[in-house]
Amino acid sequence: MIDILLHIMGWLAMGCILLAFYLLCNEKVTAKSKSYQVLNIVGSSCFVVTLSITKAWPAVALNAIYAAIAANALIKIYRSNDKTGQE
């Protein structure tokens, strides 16, 4: 059962990151959009979990850093929106 959940999480991770990239490349979102950063955070975080189980440490590190960068960008987006009075 755990293996199935890990495979699902891995596919979800891949889907989120590819969807974010697709949306960005097709100008449906920008790098400063909340949805783009959330998709990257969810995808890379799911990869961190699944790759930790398999002990693929370089890939874990890559995705943890990727999630941290996206989280930092999302925080900046929210702070910028607070200053300008946007939602």
PDB file of N, CA and C in Angstrom:
ATOM      1  N   MET A   1       0.822  -1.203   0.000  1.00  0.00           N
ATOM      2  CA  MET A   1       0.000   0.000   0.000  1.00  0.00           C
ATOM      3  C   MET A   1       0.867   1.269   0.000  1.00  0.00           C
ATOM      4  N   ILE A   2       1.935   1.241   0.804  1.00  0.00           N
ATOM      5  CA  ILE A   2       2.836   2.402   0.860  1.00  0.00           C
ATOM      6  C   ILE A   2       3.484   2.632  -0.504  1.00  0.00           C
ATOM      7  N   ASP A   3       3.861   1.556  -1.176  1.00  0.00           N
ATOM      8  CA  ASP A   3       4.477   1.706  -2.505  1.00  0.00           C
ATOM      9  C   ASP A   3       3.530   2.402  -3.474  1.00  0.00           C
ATOM     10  N   ILE A   4       2.264   2.048  -3.423  1.00  0.00           N
ATOM     11  CA  ILE A   4       1.283   2.667  -4.311  1.00  0.00           C
ATOM     12  C   ILE A   4       1.172   4.162  -4.007  1.00  0.00           C
ATOM     13  N   LEU A   5       1.117   4.507  -2.725  1.00  0.00           N
ATOM     14  CA  LEU A   5       1.027   5.915  -2.343  1.00  0.00           C
ATOM     15  C   LEU A   5       2.259   6.695  -2.780  1.00  0.00           C
ATOM     16  N   LEU A   6       3.424   6.089  -2.657  1.00  0.00           N
ATOM     17  CA  LEU A   6       4.656   6.751  -3.097  1.00  0.00           C
ATOM     18  C   LEU A   6       4.666   6.963  -4.612  1.00  0.00           C
ATOM     19  N   HIS A   7       4.181   5.966  -5.353  1.00  0.00           N
ATOM     20  CA  HIS A   7       4.109   6.126  -6.808  1.00  0.00           C
ATOM     21  C   HIS A   7       3.120   7.230  -7.180  1.00  0.00           C
ATOM     22  N   ILE A   8       1.991   7.270  -6.509  1.00  0.00           N
ATOM     23  CA  ILE A   8       1.011   8.328  -6.762  1.00  0.00           C
ATOM     24  C   ILE A   8       1.611   9.688  -6.454  1.00  0.00           C
ATOM     25  N   MET A   9       2.315   9.783  -5.323  1.00  0.00           N
ATOM     26  CA  MET A   9       2.939  11.047  -4.945  1.00  0.00           C
ATOM     27  C   MET A   9       4.000  11.453  -5.960  1.00  0.00           C
ATOM     28  N   GLY A  10       4.746  10.499  -6.468  1.00  0.00           N
ATOM     29  CA  GLY A  10       5.754  10.792  -7.486  1.00  0.00           C
ATOM     30  C   GLY A  10       5.128  11.307  -8.768  1.00  0.00           C
ATOM     31  N   TRP A  11       4.027  10.691  -9.191  1.00  0.00           N
ATOM     32  CA  TRP A  11       3.326  11.156 -10.390  1.00  0.00           C
ATOM     33  C   TRP A  11       2.714  12.535 -10.162  1.00  0.00           C
ATOM     34  N   LEU A  12       2.183  12.761  -8.966  1.00  0.00           N
ATOM     35  CA  LEU A  12       1.636  14.078  -8.631  1.00  0.00           C
ATOM     36  C   LEU A  12       2.735  15.133  -8.692  1.00  0.00           C
ATOM     37  N   ALA A  13       3.889  14.818  -8.133  1.00  0.00           N
ATOM     38  CA  ALA A  13       5.030  15.737  -8.151  1.00  0.00           C
ATOM     39  C   ALA A  13       5.410  16.089  -9.581  1.00  0.00           C
ATOM     40  N   MET A  14       5.567  15.071 -10.407  1.00  0.00           N
ATOM     41  CA  MET A  14       5.930  15.297 -11.793  1.00  0.00           C
ATOM     42  C   MET A  14       4.869  16.130 -12.506  1.00  0.00           C
ATOM     43  N   GLY A  15       3.617  15.822 -12.266  1.00  0.00           N
ATOM     44  CA  GLY A  15       2.527  16.557 -12.903  1.00  0.00           C
ATOM     45  C   GLY A  15       2.508  18.022 -12.520  1.00  0.00           C
ATOM     46  N   CYS A  16       2.713  18.305 -11.244  1.00  0.00           N
ATOM     47  CA  CYS A  16       2.716  19.702 -10.782  1.00  0.00           C
ATOM     48  C   CYS A  16       3.839  20.500 -11.416  1.00  0.00           C
ATOM     49  N   ILE A  17       5.032  19.945 -11.421  1.00  0.00           N
ATOM     50  CA  ILE A  17       6.180  20.674 -11.958  1.00  0.00           C
ATOM     51  C   ILE A  17       6.049  20.851 -13.474  1.00  0.00           C
ATOM     52  N   LEU A  18       5.610  19.809 -14.163  1.00  0.00           N
ATOM     53  CA  LEU A  18       5.424  19.945 -15.617  1.00  0.00           C
ATOM     54  C   LEU A  18       4.292  20.906 -15.956  1.00  0.00           C
ATOM     55  N   LEU A  19       3.216  20.880 -15.180  1.00  0.00           N
ATOM     56  CA  LEU A  19       2.120  21.812 -15.423  1.00  0.00           C
ATOM     57  C   LEU A  19       2.584  23.250 -15.210  1.00  0.00           C
ATOM     58  N   ALA A  20       3.340  23.482 -14.148  1.00  0.00           N
ATOM     59  CA  ALA A  20       3.870  24.827 -13.896  1.00  0.00           C
ATOM     60  C   ALA A  20       4.741  25.289 -15.067  1.00  0.00           C
ATOM     61  N   PHE A  21       5.601  24.416 -15.542  1.00  0.00           N
ATOM     62  CA  PHE A  21       6.486  24.751 -16.659  1.00  0.00           C
ATOM     63  C   PHE A  21       5.683  25.008 -17.934  1.00  0.00           C
ATOM     64  N   TYR A  22       4.700  24.160 -18.208  1.00  0.00           N
ATOM     65  CA  TYR A  22       3.841  24.334 -19.379  1.00  0.00           C
ATOM     66  C   TYR A  22       3.115  25.681 -19.327  1.00  0.00           C
ATOM     67  N   LEU A  23       2.528  25.984 -18.177  1.00  0.00           N
ATOM     68  CA  LEU A  23       1.793  27.240 -18.031  1.00  0.00           C
ATOM     69  C   LEU A  23       2.706  28.450 -18.217  1.00  0.00           C
ATOM     70  N   LEU A  24       3.906  28.359 -17.684  1.00  0.00           N
ATOM     71  CA  LEU A  24       4.871  29.448 -17.826  1.00  0.00           C
ATOM     72  C   LEU A  24       5.293  29.621 -19.292  1.00  0.00           C
ATOM     73  N   CYS A  25       5.610  28.519 -19.944  1.00  0.00           N
ATOM     74  CA  CYS A  25       6.064  28.586 -21.340  1.00  0.00           C
ATOM     75  C   CYS A  25       4.971  29.065 -22.285  1.00  0.00           C
ATOM     76  N   ASN A  26       3.729  28.820 -21.937  1.00  0.00           N
ATOM     77  CA  ASN A  26       2.610  29.231 -22.781  1.00  0.00           C
ATOM     78  C   ASN A  26       1.967  30.526 -22.289  1.00  0.00           C
ATOM     79  N   GLU A  27       2.688  31.233 -21.424  1.00  0.00           N
ATOM     80  CA  GLU A  27       2.305  32.554 -20.932  1.00  0.00           C
ATOM     81  C   GLU A  27       0.916  32.592 -20.285  1.00  0.00           C
ATOM     82  N   LYS A  28       0.556  31.492 -19.637  1.00  0.00           N
ATOM     83  CA  LYS A  28      -0.700  31.444 -18.877  1.00  0.00           C
ATOM     84  C   LYS A  28      -0.477  31.953 -17.456  1.00  0.00           C
ATOM     85  N   VAL A  29       0.756  31.867 -16.995  1.00  0.00           N
ATOM     86  CA  VAL A  29       1.165  32.387 -15.692  1.00  0.00           C
ATOM     87  C   VAL A  29       2.507  33.077 -15.869  1.00  0.00           C
ATOM     88  N   THR A  30       2.911  33.815 -14.852  1.00  0.00           N
ATOM     89  CA  THR A  30       4.256  34.391 -14.834  1.00  0.00           C
ATOM     90  C   THR A  30       5.009  33.783 -13.659  1.00  0.00           C
ATOM     91  N   ALA A  31       6.287  34.020 -13.621  1.00  0.00           N
ATOM     92  CA  ALA A  31       7.080  33.526 -12.496  1.00  0.00           C
ATOM     93  C   ALA A  31       6.671  34.194 -11.191  1.00  0.00           C
ATOM     94  N   LYS A  32       5.971  35.306 -11.286  1.00  0.00           N
ATOM     95  CA  LYS A  32       5.518  36.023 -10.094  1.00  0.00           C
ATOM     96  C   LYS A  32       4.072  35.682  -9.723  1.00  0.00           C
ATOM     97  N   SER A  33       3.515  34.649 -10.320  1.00  0.00           N
ATOM     98  CA  SER A  33       2.140  34.281  -9.978  1.00  0.00           C
ATOM     99  C   SER A  33       2.130  33.255  -8.838  1.00  0.00           C
ATOM    100  N   LYS A  34       1.129  33.389  -7.998  1.00  0.00           N
ATOM    101  CA  LYS A  34       0.993  32.488  -6.848  1.00  0.00           C
ATOM    102  C   LYS A  34       0.824  31.048  -7.303  1.00  0.00           C
ATOM    103  N   SER A  35      -0.010  30.825  -8.316  1.00  0.00           N
ATOM    104  CA  SER A  35      -0.278  29.454  -8.754  1.00  0.00           C
ATOM    105  C   SER A  35       0.983  28.767  -9.280  1.00  0.00           C
ATOM    106  N   TYR A  36       1.814  29.498  -9.976  1.00  0.00           N
ATOM    107  CA  TYR A  36       3.068  28.932 -10.483  1.00  0.00           C
ATOM    108  C   TYR A  36       3.959  28.483  -9.329  1.00  0.00           C
ATOM    109  N   GLN A  37       4.106  29.333  -8.339  1.00  0.00           N
ATOM    110  CA  GLN A  37       4.978  28.994  -7.216  1.00  0.00           C
ATOM    111  C   GLN A  37       4.393  27.866  -6.362  1.00  0.00           C
ATOM    112  N   VAL A  38       3.080  27.858  -6.178  1.00  0.00           N
ATOM    113  CA  VAL A  38       2.445  26.785  -5.402  1.00  0.00           C
ATOM    114  C   VAL A  38       2.632  25.440  -6.100  1.00  0.00           C
ATOM    115  N   LEU A  39       2.451  25.400  -7.410  1.00  0.00           N
ATOM    116  CA  LEU A  39       2.672  24.156  -8.144  1.00  0.00           C
ATOM    117  C   LEU A  39       4.115  23.670  -7.970  1.00  0.00           C
ATOM    118  N   ASN A  40       5.071  24.580  -8.007  1.00  0.00           N
ATOM    119  CA  ASN A  40       6.472  24.199  -7.813  1.00  0.00           C
ATOM    120  C   ASN A  40       6.738  23.710  -6.395  1.00  0.00           C
ATOM    121  N   ILE A  41       6.143  24.361  -5.402  1.00  0.00           N
ATOM    122  CA  ILE A  41       6.335  23.942  -4.010  1.00  0.00           C
ATOM    123  C   ILE A  41       5.735  22.561  -3.780  1.00  0.00           C
ATOM    124  N   VAL A  42       4.515  22.358  -4.238  1.00  0.00           N
ATOM    125  CA  VAL A  42       3.854  21.059  -4.050  1.00  0.00           C
ATOM    126  C   VAL A  42       4.632  19.954  -4.769  1.00  0.00           C
ATOM    127  N   GLY A  43       4.982  20.208  -6.019  1.00  0.00           N
ATOM    128  CA  GLY A  43       5.704  19.202  -6.787  1.00  0.00           C
ATOM    129  C   GLY A  43       7.048  18.844  -6.191  1.00  0.00           C
ATOM    130  N   SER A  44       7.838  19.834  -5.887  1.00  0.00           N
ATOM    131  CA  SER A  44       9.171  19.543  -5.353  1.00  0.00           C
ATOM    132  C   SER A  44       9.106  18.951  -3.947  1.00  0.00           C
ATOM    133  N   SER A  45       8.131  19.362  -3.151  1.00  0.00           N
ATOM    134  CA  SER A  45       7.976  18.784  -1.812  1.00  0.00           C
ATOM    135  C   SER A  45       7.575  17.309  -1.879  1.00  0.00           C
ATOM    136  N   CYS A  46       6.692  16.987  -2.803  1.00  0.00           N
ATOM    137  CA  CYS A  46       6.316  15.579  -2.991  1.00  0.00           C
ATOM    138  C   CYS A  46       7.524  14.761  -3.438  1.00  0.00           C
ATOM    139  N   PHE A  47       8.341  15.327  -4.309  1.00  0.00           N
ATOM    140  CA  PHE A  47       9.559  14.630  -4.718  1.00  0.00           C
ATOM    141  C   PHE A  47      10.506  14.431  -3.540  1.00  0.00           C
ATOM    142  N   VAL A  48      10.613  15.407  -2.659  1.00  0.00           N
ATOM    143  CA  VAL A  48      11.476  15.260  -1.485  1.00  0.00           C
ATOM    144  C   VAL A  48      11.046  14.038  -0.671  1.00  0.00           C
ATOM    145  N   VAL A  49       9.751  13.898  -0.467  1.00  0.00           N
ATOM    146  CA  VAL A  49       9.241  12.757   0.312  1.00  0.00           C
ATOM    147  C   VAL A  49       9.556  11.449  -0.395  1.00  0.00           C
ATOM    148  N   THR A  50       9.178  11.340  -1.662  1.00  0.00           N
ATOM    149  CA  THR A  50       9.359  10.063  -2.361  1.00  0.00           C
ATOM    150  C   THR A  50      10.834   9.721  -2.552  1.00  0.00           C
ATOM    151  N   LEU A  51      11.646  10.704  -2.844  1.00  0.00           N
ATOM    152  CA  LEU A  51      13.065  10.440  -3.062  1.00  0.00           C
ATOM    153  C   LEU A  51      13.815  10.159  -1.759  1.00  0.00           C
ATOM    154  N   SER A  52      13.312  10.669  -0.655  1.00  0.00           N
ATOM    155  CA  SER A  52      13.919  10.363   0.643  1.00  0.00           C
ATOM    156  C   SER A  52      13.768   8.880   0.970  1.00  0.00           C
ATOM    157  N   ILE A  53      12.630   8.328   0.607  1.00  0.00           N
ATOM    158  CA  ILE A  53      12.380   6.907   0.864  1.00  0.00           C
ATOM    159  C   ILE A  53      13.378   6.044   0.103  1.00  0.00           C
ATOM    160  N   THR A  54      13.686   6.454  -1.112  1.00  0.00           N
ATOM    161  CA  THR A  54      14.629   5.676  -1.925  1.00  0.00           C
ATOM    162  C   THR A  54      16.081   6.100  -1.692  1.00  0.00           C
ATOM    163  N   LYS A  55      16.270   7.070  -0.824  1.00  0.00           N
ATOM    164  CA  LYS A  55      17.609   7.566  -0.453  1.00  0.00           C
ATOM    165  C   LYS A  55      18.393   8.124  -1.646  1.00  0.00           C
ATOM    166  N   ALA A  56      17.688   8.808  -2.518  1.00  0.00           N
ATOM    167  CA  ALA A  56      18.320   9.475  -3.655  1.00  0.00           C
ATOM    168  C   ALA A  56      18.672  10.898  -3.204  1.00  0.00           C
ATOM    169  N   TRP A  57      19.709  10.997  -2.370  1.00  0.00           N
ATOM    170  CA  TRP A  57      20.024  12.240  -1.673  1.00  0.00           C
ATOM    171  C   TRP A  57      20.338  13.431  -2.569  1.00  0.00           C
ATOM    172  N   PRO A  58      21.056  13.275  -3.670  1.00  0.00           N
ATOM    173  CA  PRO A  58      21.269  14.449  -4.527  1.00  0.00           C
ATOM    174  C   PRO A  58      19.945  15.013  -5.066  1.00  0.00           C
ATOM    175  N   ALA A  59      19.029  14.141  -5.453  1.00  0.00           N
ATOM    176  CA  ALA A  59      17.726  14.590  -5.953  1.00  0.00           C
ATOM    177  C   ALA A  59      16.885  15.179  -4.826  1.00  0.00           C
ATOM    178  N   VAL A  60      17.024  14.638  -3.615  1.00  0.00           N
ATOM    179  CA  VAL A  60      16.329  15.213  -2.454  1.00  0.00           C
ATOM    180  C   VAL A  60      16.821  16.635  -2.226  1.00  0.00           C
ATOM    181  N   ALA A  61      18.140  16.811  -2.248  1.00  0.00           N
ATOM    182  CA  ALA A  61      18.712  18.145  -2.036  1.00  0.00           C
ATOM    183  C   ALA A  61      18.249  19.119  -3.115  1.00  0.00           C
ATOM    184  N   LEU A  62      18.287  18.692  -4.364  1.00  0.00           N
ATOM    185  CA  LEU A  62      17.839  19.539  -5.470  1.00  0.00           C
ATOM    186  C   LEU A  62      16.402  19.996  -5.256  1.00  0.00           C
ATOM    187  N   ASN A  63      15.517  19.075  -4.939  1.00  0.00           N
ATOM    188  CA  ASN A  63      14.104  19.411  -4.788  1.00  0.00           C
ATOM    189  C   ASN A  63      13.823  20.195  -3.516  1.00  0.00           C
ATOM    190  N   ALA A  64      14.572  19.959  -2.462  1.00  0.00           N
ATOM    191  CA  ALA A  64      14.404  20.749  -1.240  1.00  0.00           C
ATOM    192  C   ALA A  64      14.795  22.206  -1.499  1.00  0.00           C
ATOM    193  N   ILE A  65      15.889  22.410  -2.216  1.00  0.00           N
ATOM    194  CA  ILE A  65      16.322  23.767  -2.557  1.00  0.00           C
ATOM    195  C   ILE A  65      15.314  24.415  -3.505  1.00  0.00           C
ATOM    196  N   TYR A  66      14.820  23.654  -4.466  1.00  0.00           N
ATOM    197  CA  TYR A  66      13.822  24.145  -5.414  1.00  0.00           C
ATOM    198  C   TYR A  66      12.568  24.602  -4.666  1.00  0.00           C
ATOM    199  N   ALA A  67      12.123  23.804  -3.698  1.00  0.00           N
ATOM    200  CA  ALA A  67      10.946  24.165  -2.892  1.00  0.00           C
ATOM    201  C   ALA A  67      11.219  25.411  -2.067  1.00  0.00           C
ATOM    202  N   ALA A  68      12.416  25.520  -1.509  1.00  0.00           N
ATOM    203  CA  ALA A  68      12.766  26.691  -0.703  1.00  0.00           C
ATOM    204  C   ALA A  68      12.787  27.959  -1.556  1.00  0.00           C
ATOM    205  N   ILE A  69      13.323  27.862  -2.754  1.00  0.00           N
ATOM    206  CA  ILE A  69      13.351  29.023  -3.653  1.00  0.00           C
ATOM    207  C   ILE A  69      11.933  29.439  -4.020  1.00  0.00           C
ATOM    208  N   ALA A  70      11.090  28.469  -4.340  1.00  0.00           N
ATOM    209  CA  ALA A  70       9.697  28.768  -4.695  1.00  0.00           C
ATOM    210  C   ALA A  70       8.944  29.348  -3.499  1.00  0.00           C
ATOM    211  N   ALA A  71       9.202  28.826  -2.309  1.00  0.00           N
ATOM    212  CA  ALA A  71       8.543  29.351  -1.101  1.00  0.00           C
ATOM    213  C   ALA A  71       8.972  30.791  -0.851  1.00  0.00           C
ATOM    214  N   ASN A  72      10.255  31.073  -1.036  1.00  0.00           N
ATOM    215  CA  ASN A  72      10.759  32.434  -0.874  1.00  0.00           C
ATOM    216  C   ASN A  72      10.100  33.373  -1.886  1.00  0.00           C
ATOM    217  N   ALA A  73       9.969  32.910  -3.117  1.00  0.00           N
ATOM    218  CA  ALA A  73       9.312  33.727  -4.148  1.00  0.00           C
ATOM    219  C   ALA A  73       7.850  33.978  -3.786  1.00  0.00           C
ATOM    220  N   LEU A  74       7.167  32.957  -3.267  1.00  0.00           N
ATOM    221  CA  LEU A  74       5.765  33.104  -2.885  1.00  0.00           C
ATOM    222  C   LEU A  74       5.608  34.102  -1.738  1.00  0.00           C
ATOM    223  N   ILE A  75       6.514  34.057  -0.787  1.00  0.00           N
ATOM    224  CA  ILE A  75       6.491  35.031   0.318  1.00  0.00           C
ATOM    225  C   ILE A  75       6.659  36.445  -0.224  1.00  0.00           C
ATOM    226  N   LYS A  76       7.586  36.623  -1.144  1.00  0.00           N
ATOM    227  CA  LYS A  76       7.796  37.945  -1.750  1.00  0.00           C
ATOM    228  C   LYS A  76       6.552  38.414  -2.499  1.00  0.00           C
ATOM    229  N   ILE A  77       5.891  37.500  -3.183  1.00  0.00           N
ATOM    230  CA  ILE A  77       4.663  37.848  -3.906  1.00  0.00           C
ATOM    231  C   ILE A  77       3.603  38.326  -2.922  1.00  0.00           C
ATOM    232  N   TYR A  78       3.412  37.603  -1.829  1.00  0.00           N
ATOM    233  CA  TYR A  78       2.417  38.007  -0.837  1.00  0.00           C
ATOM    234  C   TYR A  78       2.769  39.340  -0.188  1.00  0.00           C
ATOM    235  N   ARG A  79       4.044  39.541   0.127  1.00  0.00           N
ATOM    236  CA  ARG A  79       4.458  40.818   0.721  1.00  0.00           C
ATOM    237  C   ARG A  79       4.265  41.971  -0.244  1.00  0.00           C
ATOM    238  N   SER A  80       4.567  41.747  -1.502  1.00  0.00           N
ATOM    239  CA  SER A  80       4.386  42.775  -2.518  1.00  0.00           C
ATOM    240  C   SER A  80       2.910  43.125  -2.670  1.00  0.00           C
ATOM    241  N   ASN A  81       2.049  42.113  -2.650  1.00  0.00           N
ATOM    242  CA  ASN A  81       0.618  42.339  -2.769  1.00  0.00           C
ATOM    243  C   ASN A  81       0.060  43.065  -1.554  1.00  0.00           C
ATOM    244  N   ASP A  82       0.615  42.783  -0.368  1.00  0.00           N
ATOM    245  CA  ASP A  82       0.174  43.492   0.846  1.00  0.00           C
ATOM    246  C   ASP A  82       0.493  44.977   0.756  1.00  0.00           C
ATOM    247  N   LYS A  83       1.653  45.305   0.200  1.00  0.00           N
ATOM    248  CA  LYS A  83       2.068  46.698   0.082  1.00  0.00           C
ATOM    249  C   LYS A  83       1.222  47.471  -0.924  1.00  0.00           C
ATOM    250  N   THR A  84       0.776  46.768  -1.976  1.00  0.00           N
ATOM    251  CA  THR A  84       0.003  47.446  -3.015  1.00  0.00           C
ATOM    252  C   THR A  84      -1.497  47.325  -2.799  1.00  0.00           C
ATOM    253  N   GLY A  85      -1.914  46.558  -1.779  1.00  0.00           N
ATOM    254  CA  GLY A  85      -3.328  46.425  -1.473  1.00  0.00           C
ATOM    255  C   GLY A  85      -4.076  45.448  -2.366  1.00  0.00           C
ATOM    256  N   GLN A  86      -3.322  44.605  -3.072  1.00  0.00           N
ATOM    257  CA  GLN A  86      -3.952  43.607  -3.926  1.00  0.00           C
ATOM    258  C   GLN A  86      -4.238  42.362  -3.135  1.00  0.00           C
ATOM    259  N   GLU A  87      -5.089  41.484  -3.727  1.00  0.00           N
ATOM    260  CA  GLU A  87      -5.361  40.182  -3.099  1.00  0.00           C
ATOM    261  C   GLU A  87      -4.451  39.141  -3.653  1.00  0.00           C
TER     262      GLU A  87
END
